[in-house]
Amino acid sequence: MKIIYVTGCLGFIGSYFTRKALDRGWYVYGVDKMTYAASKKTLVEFLNYDNFTFLKEDIKDLKHLYDCDYVVNFAAESHVDNSIVNSDEFMNSNILGVKNLLDLVRFKNTNAGLRPVFFQISTDEVYGDLASGFHLESDMLKPSNPYSASKAAADMLVTAWSRTYDLDYLMLRPTNNYGIGQYPEKLIPIAVKALQRERKISLHNQGTPIRNWLHADDTAEAALLLIEKEARNEIFNVAGGYEQTNADTVLKILRAYIGKEVDLRDFVNSSDERDGQDMRYALDDSKLRSLGWSPQKNFDKEIVDIVKHYRENFIW
């Protein structure tokens, strides 16, 4: 039995992890400031668990940690386009929020030797893009936009706090996540929403950027495995091993939605260019796989059910 904090517990990936932790019988303090992307329906679900306590808090304002084994930080502002328009909240949550959590961990149970492990959920975007090959955990961080810069800054805070204050940590860097429950600002749900409204799907840079897709369920399992293996002071990449262009992703969404082959050009607006666009992310996650993890979800199979779900459950 473990006692853990999960920040961002009502967000997309955080909710997958929280659900699995609760089902394992772990005690979870769920922390979420309930921004526009938080799921109120998920909160109702989690409150039915006797081993769940909810704290409506901003991580940069949290003042106290109860005794716990891990602080798992999923809380983050994450949409790149939003960060380009206004980066203030990204700096507050992704940098100042992480700094506050690290200090809460730093001063927790220092004399008793029972200080919790800080587990930072990062992103592949901290490495920047690359034309070929795969990023290793030891590669230099070269973020390209305000969002990824704020996440890279948080990663460096974690490793600095570990070295200076002897704080135990874990760090997981996932590729693009997908699955049911994602807020419709990310590619898959927003594409379905556009189709429901008979509007064109916006594709940056002619749809040429390449992304590596990983189901949120597989990401949650990776995080849980690292806790169960009691890994310490290590960084792990995690990837779905499924690369494709954004144009190919949208074409598969269209096939699932319409039920036949279509001409992509009839359904998309590809005139937008994202400032600082990363053209390809790719991770080498052999370090994690050596511990026994592998992705269980197949994108081509899952996308059919995901599109069906969003089509039948319109997100306002």
C-alpha atoms as a PDB file:
ATOM      1  CA  MET A   1       0.000   0.000   0.000  1.00  0.00           C
ATOM      2  CA  LYS A   2       1.314   3.409  -0.935  1.00  0.00           C
ATOM      3  CA  ILE A   3       0.220   6.969  -0.207  1.00  0.00           C
ATOM      4  CA  ILE A   4       0.743   9.301  -3.142  1.00  0.00           C
ATOM      5  CA  TYR A   5      -0.082  12.792  -4.283  1.00  0.00           C
ATOM      6  CA  VAL A   6      -1.191  13.091  -7.900  1.00  0.00           C
ATOM      7  CA  THR A   7      -1.217  16.664  -9.129  1.00  0.00           C
ATOM      8  CA  GLY A   8      -3.284  17.306 -12.234  1.00  0.00           C
ATOM      9  CA  CYS A   9      -5.403  14.295 -11.295  1.00  0.00           C
ATOM     10  CA  LEU A  10      -8.346  15.543 -13.378  1.00  0.00           C
ATOM     11  CA  GLY A  11      -6.280  16.158 -16.486  1.00  0.00           C
ATOM     12  CA  PHE A  12      -5.969  13.727 -19.372  1.00  0.00           C
ATOM     13  CA  ILE A  13      -2.954  11.542 -18.533  1.00  0.00           C
ATOM     14  CA  GLY A  14      -3.190  12.256 -14.812  1.00  0.00           C
ATOM     15  CA  SER A  15      -6.697  10.793 -14.660  1.00  0.00           C
ATOM     16  CA  TYR A  16      -5.549   7.538 -16.272  1.00  0.00           C
ATOM     17  CA  PHE A  17      -2.757   7.226 -13.711  1.00  0.00           C
ATOM     18  CA  THR A  18      -5.000   8.153 -10.777  1.00  0.00           C
ATOM     19  CA  ARG A  19      -7.616   5.576 -11.723  1.00  0.00           C
ATOM     20  CA  LYS A  20      -4.996   2.819 -11.912  1.00  0.00           C
ATOM     21  CA  ALA A  21      -3.418   3.834  -8.605  1.00  0.00           C
ATOM     22  CA  LEU A  22      -6.812   3.811  -6.867  1.00  0.00           C
ATOM     23  CA  ASP A  23      -7.632   0.406  -8.327  1.00  0.00           C
ATOM     24  CA  ARG A  24      -4.339  -0.878  -6.892  1.00  0.00           C
ATOM     25  CA  GLY A  25      -5.566   0.160  -3.450  1.00  0.00           C
ATOM     26  CA  TRP A  26      -3.140   3.041  -3.068  1.00  0.00           C
ATOM     27  CA  TYR A  27      -4.251   6.104  -1.118  1.00  0.00           C
ATOM     28  CA  VAL A  28      -4.348   9.120  -3.414  1.00  0.00           C
ATOM     29  CA  TYR A  29      -4.413  12.795  -2.585  1.00  0.00           C
ATOM     30  CA  GLY A  30      -5.627  14.237  -5.857  1.00  0.00           C
ATOM     31  CA  VAL A  31      -4.627  17.854  -6.463  1.00  0.00           C
ATOM     32  CA  ASP A  32      -6.129  19.912  -9.285  1.00  0.00           C
ATOM     33  CA  LYS A  33      -6.906  23.616  -9.684  1.00  0.00           C
ATOM     34  CA  MET A  34      -9.690  22.671 -12.126  1.00  0.00           C
ATOM     35  CA  THR A  35      -8.824  24.742 -15.159  1.00  0.00           C
ATOM     36  CA  TYR A  36     -10.821  24.565 -18.384  1.00  0.00           C
ATOM     37  CA  ALA A  37      -9.186  21.222 -19.227  1.00  0.00           C
ATOM     38  CA  ALA A  38     -10.137  19.442 -15.968  1.00  0.00           C
ATOM     39  CA  SER A  39     -12.891  16.825 -16.087  1.00  0.00           C
ATOM     40  CA  LYS A  40     -15.668  17.342 -13.524  1.00  0.00           C
ATOM     41  CA  LYS A  41     -17.139  13.965 -14.500  1.00  0.00           C
ATOM     42  CA  THR A  42     -13.843  12.310 -13.565  1.00  0.00           C
ATOM     43  CA  LEU A  43     -13.900  13.997 -10.156  1.00  0.00           C
ATOM     44  CA  VAL A  44     -17.353  12.529  -9.472  1.00  0.00           C
ATOM     45  CA  GLU A  45     -15.955   9.107 -10.389  1.00  0.00           C
ATOM     46  CA  PHE A  46     -12.903   9.408  -8.127  1.00  0.00           C
ATOM     47  CA  LEU A  47     -14.915  10.647  -5.132  1.00  0.00           C
ATOM     48  CA  ASN A  48     -16.626   7.240  -5.075  1.00  0.00           C
ATOM     49  CA  TYR A  49     -13.315   5.697  -3.963  1.00  0.00           C
ATOM     50  CA  ASP A  50     -12.730   5.510  -0.206  1.00  0.00           C
ATOM     51  CA  ASN A  51      -8.987   5.817  -0.839  1.00  0.00           C
ATOM     52  CA  PHE A  52      -9.246   9.188  -2.642  1.00  0.00           C
ATOM     53  CA  THR A  53      -9.082  12.682  -1.154  1.00  0.00           C
ATOM     54  CA  PHE A  54      -9.472  15.710  -3.386  1.00  0.00           C
ATOM     55  CA  LEU A  55      -7.669  19.023  -2.874  1.00  0.00           C
ATOM     56  CA  LYS A  56      -8.689  21.888  -5.132  1.00  0.00           C
ATOM     57  CA  GLU A  57      -5.368  23.710  -5.213  1.00  0.00           C
ATOM     58  CA  ASP A  58      -2.949  25.369  -7.590  1.00  0.00           C
ATOM     59  CA  ILE A  59       0.397  23.589  -7.224  1.00  0.00           C
ATOM     60  CA  LYS A  60       2.250  26.894  -6.935  1.00  0.00           C
ATOM     61  CA  ASP A  61       0.066  27.804  -3.923  1.00  0.00           C
ATOM     62  CA  LEU A  62       0.000  24.438  -2.129  1.00  0.00           C
ATOM     63  CA  LYS A  63       1.196  24.934   1.454  1.00  0.00           C
ATOM     64  CA  HIS A  64       1.375  21.485   2.988  1.00  0.00           C
ATOM     65  CA  LEU A  65       2.009  17.840   2.218  1.00  0.00           C
ATOM     66  CA  TYR A  66       0.534  15.096   4.352  1.00  0.00           C
ATOM     67  CA  ASP A  67       2.714  12.052   4.901  1.00  0.00           C
ATOM     68  CA  CYS A  68       3.173  10.303   1.576  1.00  0.00           C
ATOM     69  CA  ASP A  69       5.529   8.132  -0.429  1.00  0.00           C
ATOM     70  CA  TYR A  70       5.434   9.931  -3.799  1.00  0.00           C
ATOM     71  CA  VAL A  71       4.432  13.261  -5.273  1.00  0.00           C
ATOM     72  CA  VAL A  72       3.586  12.531  -8.912  1.00  0.00           C
ATOM     73  CA  ASN A  73       3.343  15.762 -10.879  1.00  0.00           C
ATOM     74  CA  PHE A  74       1.092  15.601 -13.934  1.00  0.00           C
ATOM     75  CA  ALA A  75      -0.085  19.192 -13.443  1.00  0.00           C
ATOM     76  CA  ALA A  76       0.922  21.387 -16.373  1.00  0.00           C
ATOM     77  CA  GLU A  77      -0.287  23.843 -18.934  1.00  0.00           C
ATOM     78  CA  SER A  78       0.394  21.869 -22.089  1.00  0.00           C
ATOM     79  CA  HIS A  79      -1.057  23.285 -25.297  1.00  0.00           C
ATOM     80  CA  VAL A  80       1.718  24.735 -27.456  1.00  0.00           C
ATOM     81  CA  ASP A  81      -0.537  27.143 -29.360  1.00  0.00           C
ATOM     82  CA  ASN A  82      -1.764  28.659 -26.090  1.00  0.00           C
ATOM     83  CA  SER A  83       1.812  29.132 -24.884  1.00  0.00           C
ATOM     84  CA  ILE A  84       2.707  31.030 -28.053  1.00  0.00           C
ATOM     85  CA  VAL A  85      -0.211  33.440 -27.539  1.00  0.00           C
ATOM     86  CA  ASN A  86       0.461  33.990 -23.815  1.00  0.00           C
ATOM     87  CA  SER A  87       3.045  32.100 -21.798  1.00  0.00           C
ATOM     88  CA  ASP A  88       2.274  33.512 -18.331  1.00  0.00           C
ATOM     89  CA  GLU A  89       0.289  30.539 -17.018  1.00  0.00           C
ATOM     90  CA  PHE A  90       2.899  28.156 -18.425  1.00  0.00           C
ATOM     91  CA  MET A  91       5.595  29.860 -16.374  1.00  0.00           C
ATOM     92  CA  ASN A  92       3.375  29.854 -13.270  1.00  0.00           C
ATOM     93  CA  SER A  93       2.324  26.207 -13.403  1.00  0.00           C
ATOM     94  CA  ASN A  94       5.211  24.505 -15.131  1.00  0.00           C
ATOM     95  CA  ILE A  95       8.070  26.343 -13.428  1.00  0.00           C
ATOM     96  CA  LEU A  96       6.901  28.076 -10.243  1.00  0.00           C
ATOM     97  CA  GLY A  97       4.479  25.244  -9.480  1.00  0.00           C
ATOM     98  CA  VAL A  98       7.223  22.637  -9.776  1.00  0.00           C
ATOM     99  CA  LYS A  99       9.568  24.756  -7.668  1.00  0.00           C
ATOM    100  CA  ASN A 100       6.931  24.948  -4.925  1.00  0.00           C
ATOM    101  CA  LEU A 101       6.327  21.192  -4.982  1.00  0.00           C
ATOM    102  CA  LEU A 102      10.053  20.507  -4.824  1.00  0.00           C
ATOM    103  CA  ASP A 103      10.383  22.724  -1.761  1.00  0.00           C
ATOM    104  CA  LEU A 104       7.428  21.029  -0.071  1.00  0.00           C
ATOM    105  CA  VAL A 105       9.125  17.670  -0.667  1.00  0.00           C
ATOM    106  CA  ARG A 106      12.496  19.086   0.371  1.00  0.00           C
ATOM    107  CA  PHE A 107      11.224  20.079   3.838  1.00  0.00           C
ATOM    108  CA  LYS A 108       9.009  17.018   4.412  1.00  0.00           C
ATOM    109  CA  ASN A 109      10.126  14.544   7.082  1.00  0.00           C
ATOM    110  CA  THR A 110      13.790  15.422   6.638  1.00  0.00           C
ATOM    111  CA  ASN A 111      14.763  14.294  10.138  1.00  0.00           C
ATOM    112  CA  ALA A 112      12.851  11.030   9.981  1.00  0.00           C
ATOM    113  CA  GLY A 113      14.377  10.081   6.630  1.00  0.00           C
ATOM    114  CA  LEU A 114      10.914   9.572   5.176  1.00  0.00           C
ATOM    115  CA  ARG A 115      10.922  12.269   2.539  1.00  0.00           C
ATOM    116  CA  PRO A 116       8.701  11.380  -0.448  1.00  0.00           C
ATOM    117  CA  VAL A 117      10.049  10.800  -3.952  1.00  0.00           C
ATOM    118  CA  PHE A 118       9.283  13.567  -6.437  1.00  0.00           C
ATOM    119  CA  PHE A 119       8.074  12.149  -9.771  1.00  0.00           C
ATOM    120  CA  GLN A 120       8.043  14.657 -12.619  1.00  0.00           C
ATOM    121  CA  ILE A 121       6.009  13.897 -15.736  1.00  0.00           C
ATOM    122  CA  SER A 122       7.871  15.691 -18.498  1.00  0.00           C
ATOM    123  CA  THR A 123       7.560  15.553 -22.310  1.00  0.00           C
ATOM    124  CA  ASP A 124       9.531  14.579 -25.398  1.00  0.00           C
ATOM    125  CA  GLU A 125       9.318  18.215 -26.490  1.00  0.00           C
ATOM    126  CA  VAL A 126      12.092  19.252 -24.086  1.00  0.00           C
ATOM    127  CA  TYR A 127      14.640  17.742 -26.500  1.00  0.00           C
ATOM    128  CA  GLY A 128      13.423  19.756 -29.467  1.00  0.00           C
ATOM    129  CA  ASP A 129      13.067  18.124 -32.861  1.00  0.00           C
ATOM    130  CA  LEU A 130      15.405  15.996 -34.931  1.00  0.00           C
ATOM    131  CA  ALA A 131      15.366  14.927 -38.575  1.00  0.00           C
ATOM    132  CA  SER A 132      16.474  11.347 -37.986  1.00  0.00           C
ATOM    133  CA  GLY A 133      17.409   9.020 -35.175  1.00  0.00           C
ATOM    134  CA  PHE A 134      16.082   9.039 -31.621  1.00  0.00           C
ATOM    135  CA  HIS A 135      16.707  11.095 -28.513  1.00  0.00           C
ATOM    136  CA  LEU A 136      18.320   9.456 -25.489  1.00  0.00           C
ATOM    137  CA  GLU A 137      17.682  10.532 -21.910  1.00  0.00           C
ATOM    138  CA  SER A 138      21.208  11.990 -21.777  1.00  0.00           C
ATOM    139  CA  ASP A 139      20.701  14.286 -24.787  1.00  0.00           C
ATOM    140  CA  MET A 140      20.858  18.061 -24.445  1.00  0.00           C
ATOM    141  CA  LEU A 141      17.557  19.854 -23.907  1.00  0.00           C
ATOM    142  CA  LYS A 142      16.768  22.213 -26.805  1.00  0.00           C
ATOM    143  CA  PRO A 143      13.138  23.324 -26.450  1.00  0.00           C
ATOM    144  CA  SER A 144      11.585  25.274 -29.317  1.00  0.00           C
ATOM    145  CA  ASN A 145       8.528  27.033 -27.861  1.00  0.00           C
ATOM    146  CA  PRO A 146       7.370  28.585 -24.563  1.00  0.00           C
ATOM    147  CA  TYR A 147       5.596  25.386 -23.469  1.00  0.00           C
ATOM    148  CA  SER A 148       8.550  23.068 -23.996  1.00  0.00           C
ATOM    149  CA  ALA A 149      10.919  25.677 -22.536  1.00  0.00           C
ATOM    150  CA  SER A 150       8.851  25.777 -19.337  1.00  0.00           C
ATOM    151  CA  LYS A 151       8.911  21.974 -19.112  1.00  0.00           C
ATOM    152  CA  ALA A 152      12.664  21.861 -19.731  1.00  0.00           C
ATOM    153  CA  ALA A 153      13.151  24.446 -16.986  1.00  0.00           C
ATOM    154  CA  ALA A 154      11.120  22.258 -14.619  1.00  0.00           C
ATOM    155  CA  ASP A 155      13.242  19.218 -15.478  1.00  0.00           C
ATOM    156  CA  MET A 156      16.388  21.151 -14.642  1.00  0.00           C
ATOM    157  CA  LEU A 157      14.895  22.310 -11.347  1.00  0.00           C
ATOM    158  CA  VAL A 158      14.235  18.681 -10.435  1.00  0.00           C
ATOM    159  CA  THR A 159      17.774  17.503 -11.122  1.00  0.00           C
ATOM    160  CA  ALA A 160      19.240  20.595  -9.415  1.00  0.00           C
ATOM    161  CA  TRP A 161      17.125  20.075  -6.285  1.00  0.00           C
ATOM    162  CA  SER A 162      18.204  16.445  -6.255  1.00  0.00           C
ATOM    163  CA  ARG A 163      21.886  17.315  -6.360  1.00  0.00           C
ATOM    164  CA  THR A 164      21.767  20.263  -3.962  1.00  0.00           C
ATOM    165  CA  TYR A 165      19.259  18.933  -1.423  1.00  0.00           C
ATOM    166  CA  ASP A 166      19.735  15.171  -1.858  1.00  0.00           C
ATOM    167  CA  LEU A 167      16.124  14.861  -2.999  1.00  0.00           C
ATOM    168  CA  ASP A 168      15.080  11.552  -4.597  1.00  0.00           C
ATOM    169  CA  TYR A 169      13.291  11.911  -7.927  1.00  0.00           C
ATOM    170  CA  LEU A 170      11.967  10.128 -10.997  1.00  0.00           C
ATOM    171  CA  MET A 171      11.286  11.645 -14.405  1.00  0.00           C
ATOM    172  CA  LEU A 172       9.246  10.295 -17.307  1.00  0.00           C
ATOM    173  CA  ARG A 173       9.320  11.871 -20.778  1.00  0.00           C
ATOM    174  CA  PRO A 174       6.427  10.616 -22.958  1.00  0.00           C
ATOM    175  CA  THR A 175       5.722  11.173 -26.640  1.00  0.00           C
ATOM    176  CA  ASN A 176       2.348  12.468 -27.949  1.00  0.00           C
ATOM    177  CA  ASN A 177      -0.464  10.921 -25.912  1.00  0.00           C
ATOM    178  CA  TYR A 178      -3.886   9.971 -27.217  1.00  0.00           C
ATOM    179  CA  GLY A 179      -7.028   8.288 -25.882  1.00  0.00           C
ATOM    180  CA  ILE A 180     -10.551   8.957 -24.695  1.00  0.00           C
ATOM    181  CA  GLY A 181     -10.908  11.914 -22.336  1.00  0.00           C
ATOM    182  CA  GLN A 182      -8.552  14.377 -24.001  1.00  0.00           C
ATOM    183  CA  TYR A 183      -9.646  18.010 -24.089  1.00  0.00           C
ATOM    184  CA  PRO A 184     -10.526  19.190 -27.633  1.00  0.00           C
ATOM    185  CA  GLU A 185      -7.559  21.438 -28.230  1.00  0.00           C
ATOM    186  CA  LYS A 186      -5.306  18.502 -29.134  1.00  0.00           C
ATOM    187  CA  LEU A 187      -5.334  17.074 -32.644  1.00  0.00           C
ATOM    188  CA  ILE A 188      -7.597  14.012 -32.418  1.00  0.00           C
ATOM    189  CA  PRO A 189     -10.538  15.388 -30.373  1.00  0.00           C
ATOM    190  CA  ILE A 190     -10.460  18.801 -32.034  1.00  0.00           C
ATOM    191  CA  ALA A 191     -10.481  17.178 -35.480  1.00  0.00           C
ATOM    192  CA  VAL A 192     -13.614  15.197 -34.582  1.00  0.00           C
ATOM    193  CA  LYS A 193     -15.228  18.305 -33.127  1.00  0.00           C
ATOM    194  CA  ALA A 194     -14.535  20.195 -36.353  1.00  0.00           C
ATOM    195  CA  LEU A 195     -16.171  17.398 -38.357  1.00  0.00           C
ATOM    196  CA  GLN A 196     -19.218  17.458 -36.072  1.00  0.00           C
ATOM    197  CA  ARG A 197     -19.568  21.191 -36.702  1.00  0.00           C
ATOM    198  CA  GLU A 198     -18.973  20.787 -40.443  1.00  0.00           C
ATOM    199  CA  ARG A 199     -15.856  22.905 -40.248  1.00  0.00           C
ATOM    200  CA  LYS A 200     -12.422  22.286 -41.717  1.00  0.00           C
ATOM    201  CA  ILE A 201      -9.687  20.745 -39.591  1.00  0.00           C
ATOM    202  CA  SER A 202      -6.711  23.026 -39.035  1.00  0.00           C
ATOM    203  CA  LEU A 203      -3.376  21.417 -39.917  1.00  0.00           C
ATOM    204  CA  HIS A 204      -0.168  23.305 -39.210  1.00  0.00           C
ATOM    205  CA  ASN A 205       2.635  23.301 -41.761  1.00  0.00           C
ATOM    206  CA  GLN A 206       0.727  21.333 -44.411  1.00  0.00           C
ATOM    207  CA  GLY A 207       0.407  18.412 -41.972  1.00  0.00           C
ATOM    208  CA  THR A 208       4.061  17.462 -42.444  1.00  0.00           C
ATOM    209  CA  PRO A 209       5.213  17.383 -38.766  1.00  0.00           C
ATOM    210  CA  ILE A 210       5.816  13.841 -37.552  1.00  0.00           C
ATOM    211  CA  ARG A 211       4.650  12.689 -34.128  1.00  0.00           C
ATOM    212  CA  ASN A 212       5.116   9.452 -32.201  1.00  0.00           C
ATOM    213  CA  TRP A 213       1.812   8.317 -30.668  1.00  0.00           C
ATOM    214  CA  LEU A 214       1.447   6.733 -27.225  1.00  0.00           C
ATOM    215  CA  HIS A 215      -1.838   5.821 -25.529  1.00  0.00           C
ATOM    216  CA  ALA A 216      -2.420   7.472 -22.144  1.00  0.00           C
ATOM    217  CA  ASP A 217      -3.103   4.040 -20.652  1.00  0.00           C
ATOM    218  CA  ASP A 218       0.398   2.911 -21.663  1.00  0.00           C
ATOM    219  CA  THR A 219       1.913   6.107 -20.235  1.00  0.00           C
ATOM    220  CA  ALA A 220       0.154   5.495 -16.920  1.00  0.00           C
ATOM    221  CA  GLU A 221       1.414   1.912 -16.834  1.00  0.00           C
ATOM    222  CA  ALA A 222       4.965   3.122 -17.441  1.00  0.00           C
ATOM    223  CA  ALA A 223       4.746   5.525 -14.500  1.00  0.00           C
ATOM    224  CA  LEU A 224       3.270   2.859 -12.232  1.00  0.00           C
ATOM    225  CA  LEU A 225       5.993   0.391 -13.218  1.00  0.00           C
ATOM    226  CA  LEU A 226       8.741   2.820 -12.208  1.00  0.00           C
ATOM    227  CA  ILE A 227       7.121   3.263  -8.800  1.00  0.00           C
ATOM    228  CA  GLU A 228       6.678  -0.474  -8.338  1.00  0.00           C
ATOM    229  CA  LYS A 229      10.302  -1.096  -9.376  1.00  0.00           C
ATOM    230  CA  GLU A 230      11.382   1.562  -6.848  1.00  0.00           C
ATOM    231  CA  ALA A 231      13.552   3.305  -9.425  1.00  0.00           C
ATOM    232  CA  ARG A 232      15.353   6.350  -8.075  1.00  0.00           C
ATOM    233  CA  ASN A 233      17.105   9.392  -9.508  1.00  0.00           C
ATOM    234  CA  GLU A 234      16.626   8.326 -13.114  1.00  0.00           C
ATOM    235  CA  ILE A 235      15.100   9.770 -16.268  1.00  0.00           C
ATOM    236  CA  PHE A 236      13.113   7.520 -18.607  1.00  0.00           C
ATOM    237  CA  ASN A 237      11.799   8.104 -22.100  1.00  0.00           C
ATOM    238  CA  VAL A 238       8.551   6.396 -23.079  1.00  0.00           C
ATOM    239  CA  ALA A 239       7.284   6.106 -26.656  1.00  0.00           C
ATOM    240  CA  GLY A 240       4.526   4.288 -28.460  1.00  0.00           C
ATOM    241  CA  GLY A 241       6.814   3.416 -31.350  1.00  0.00           C
ATOM    242  CA  TYR A 242       4.186   4.625 -33.825  1.00  0.00           C
ATOM    243  CA  GLU A 243       5.388   7.463 -36.032  1.00  0.00           C
ATOM    244  CA  GLN A 244       3.294   9.233 -38.628  1.00  0.00           C
ATOM    245  CA  THR A 245       2.727  12.693 -40.043  1.00  0.00           C
ATOM    246  CA  ASN A 246      -0.116  14.794 -38.698  1.00  0.00           C
ATOM    247  CA  ALA A 247      -1.690  14.585 -42.151  1.00  0.00           C
ATOM    248  CA  ASP A 248      -1.741  10.776 -41.890  1.00  0.00           C
ATOM    249  CA  THR A 249      -3.282  11.014 -38.422  1.00  0.00           C
ATOM    250  CA  VAL A 250      -6.091  13.241 -39.702  1.00  0.00           C
ATOM    251  CA  LEU A 251      -6.656  10.963 -42.701  1.00  0.00           C
ATOM    252  CA  LYS A 252      -7.202   8.030 -40.317  1.00  0.00           C
ATOM    253  CA  ILE A 253      -9.600  10.149 -38.252  1.00  0.00           C
ATOM    254  CA  LEU A 254     -11.545  10.949 -41.423  1.00  0.00           C
ATOM    255  CA  ARG A 255     -11.723   7.289 -42.447  1.00  0.00           C
ATOM    256  CA  ALA A 256     -13.030   6.325 -38.999  1.00  0.00           C
ATOM    257  CA  TYR A 257     -15.553   9.192 -38.954  1.00  0.00           C
ATOM    258  CA  ILE A 258     -16.879   8.936 -42.494  1.00  0.00           C
ATOM    259  CA  GLY A 259     -16.392   5.218 -43.081  1.00  0.00           C
ATOM    260  CA  LYS A 260     -14.699   5.404 -46.458  1.00  0.00           C
ATOM    261  CA  GLU A 261     -11.682   6.800 -48.274  1.00  0.00           C
ATOM    262  CA  VAL A 262     -11.778  10.583 -48.707  1.00  0.00           C
ATOM    263  CA  ASP A 263      -9.641  13.332 -50.183  1.00  0.00           C
ATOM    264  CA  LEU A 264      -7.841  14.998 -47.288  1.00  0.00           C
ATOM    265  CA  ARG A 265      -7.868  18.348 -49.097  1.00  0.00           C
ATOM    266  CA  ASP A 266     -11.652  18.517 -48.870  1.00  0.00           C
ATOM    267  CA  PHE A 267     -11.619  18.514 -45.076  1.00  0.00           C
ATOM    268  CA  VAL A 268      -8.568  20.444 -43.914  1.00  0.00           C
ATOM    269  CA  ASN A 269      -7.203  23.949 -43.801  1.00  0.00           C
ATOM    270  CA  SER A 270      -3.437  23.625 -44.031  1.00  0.00           C
ATOM    271  CA  SER A 271      -2.572  27.278 -44.486  1.00  0.00           C
ATOM    272  CA  ASP A 272      -1.457  27.900 -40.886  1.00  0.00           C
ATOM    273  CA  GLU A 273       2.211  27.899 -39.924  1.00  0.00           C
ATOM    274  CA  ARG A 274       3.043  27.418 -36.244  1.00  0.00           C
ATOM    275  CA  ASP A 275       5.852  29.641 -34.975  1.00  0.00           C
ATOM    276  CA  GLY A 276       8.826  27.563 -33.825  1.00  0.00           C
ATOM    277  CA  GLN A 277       7.261  24.359 -35.170  1.00  0.00           C
ATOM    278  CA  ASP A 278       9.029  21.118 -34.251  1.00  0.00           C
ATOM    279  CA  MET A 279       8.991  18.870 -37.303  1.00  0.00           C
ATOM    280  CA  ARG A 280       9.688  15.507 -35.664  1.00  0.00           C
ATOM    281  CA  TYR A 281       9.901  14.090 -32.162  1.00  0.00           C
ATOM    282  CA  ALA A 282      11.349  10.628 -31.584  1.00  0.00           C
ATOM    283  CA  LEU A 283      12.568   8.886 -28.444  1.00  0.00           C
ATOM    284  CA  ASP A 284      14.722   5.875 -27.677  1.00  0.00           C
ATOM    285  CA  ASP A 285      12.927   4.219 -24.739  1.00  0.00           C
ATOM    286  CA  SER A 286      15.007   1.047 -24.531  1.00  0.00           C
ATOM    287  CA  LYS A 287      15.959   1.942 -20.946  1.00  0.00           C
ATOM    288  CA  LEU A 288      12.319   1.707 -19.849  1.00  0.00           C
ATOM    289  CA  ARG A 289      11.636  -1.377 -21.970  1.00  0.00           C
ATOM    290  CA  SER A 290      14.532  -3.152 -20.238  1.00  0.00           C
ATOM    291  CA  LEU A 291      12.398  -3.030 -17.064  1.00  0.00           C
ATOM    292  CA  GLY A 292       9.600  -4.954 -18.771  1.00  0.00           C
ATOM    293  CA  TRP A 293       7.374  -2.197 -20.151  1.00  0.00           C
ATOM    294  CA  SER A 294       6.002  -2.238 -23.681  1.00  0.00           C
ATOM    295  CA  PRO A 295       3.003  -0.464 -25.253  1.00  0.00           C
ATOM    296  CA  GLN A 296      -0.190  -2.520 -25.253  1.00  0.00           C
ATOM    297  CA  LYS A 297      -2.387  -0.218 -27.336  1.00  0.00           C
ATOM    298  CA  ASN A 298      -2.341  -0.139 -31.134  1.00  0.00           C
ATOM    299  CA  PHE A 299      -3.041   3.256 -32.700  1.00  0.00           C
ATOM    300  CA  ASP A 300      -4.814   1.984 -35.822  1.00  0.00           C
ATOM    301  CA  LYS A 301      -7.177  -0.111 -33.711  1.00  0.00           C
ATOM    302  CA  GLU A 302      -7.734   2.458 -30.965  1.00  0.00           C
ATOM    303  CA  ILE A 303      -8.416   5.404 -33.268  1.00  0.00           C
ATOM    304  CA  VAL A 304     -11.650   3.798 -34.500  1.00  0.00           C
ATOM    305  CA  ASP A 305     -13.119   3.551 -30.987  1.00  0.00           C
ATOM    306  CA  ILE A 306     -11.806   6.978 -29.985  1.00  0.00           C
ATOM    307  CA  VAL A 307     -13.397   8.695 -32.982  1.00  0.00           C
ATOM    308  CA  LYS A 308     -16.640   6.808 -32.327  1.00  0.00           C
ATOM    309  CA  HIS A 309     -16.612   7.961 -28.691  1.00  0.00           C
ATOM    310  CA  TYR A 310     -16.064  11.632 -29.540  1.00  0.00           C
ATOM    311  CA  ARG A 311     -18.640  11.453 -32.313  1.00  0.00           C
ATOM    312  CA  GLU A 312     -21.250  10.131 -29.863  1.00  0.00           C
ATOM    313  CA  ASN A 313     -20.203  12.376 -26.973  1.00  0.00           C
ATOM    314  CA  PHE A 314     -19.924  15.963 -28.187  1.00  0.00           C
ATOM    315  CA  ILE A 315     -17.571  18.075 -26.080  1.00  0.00           C
ATOM    316  CA  TRP A 316     -18.808  21.638 -25.617  1.00  0.00           C
END
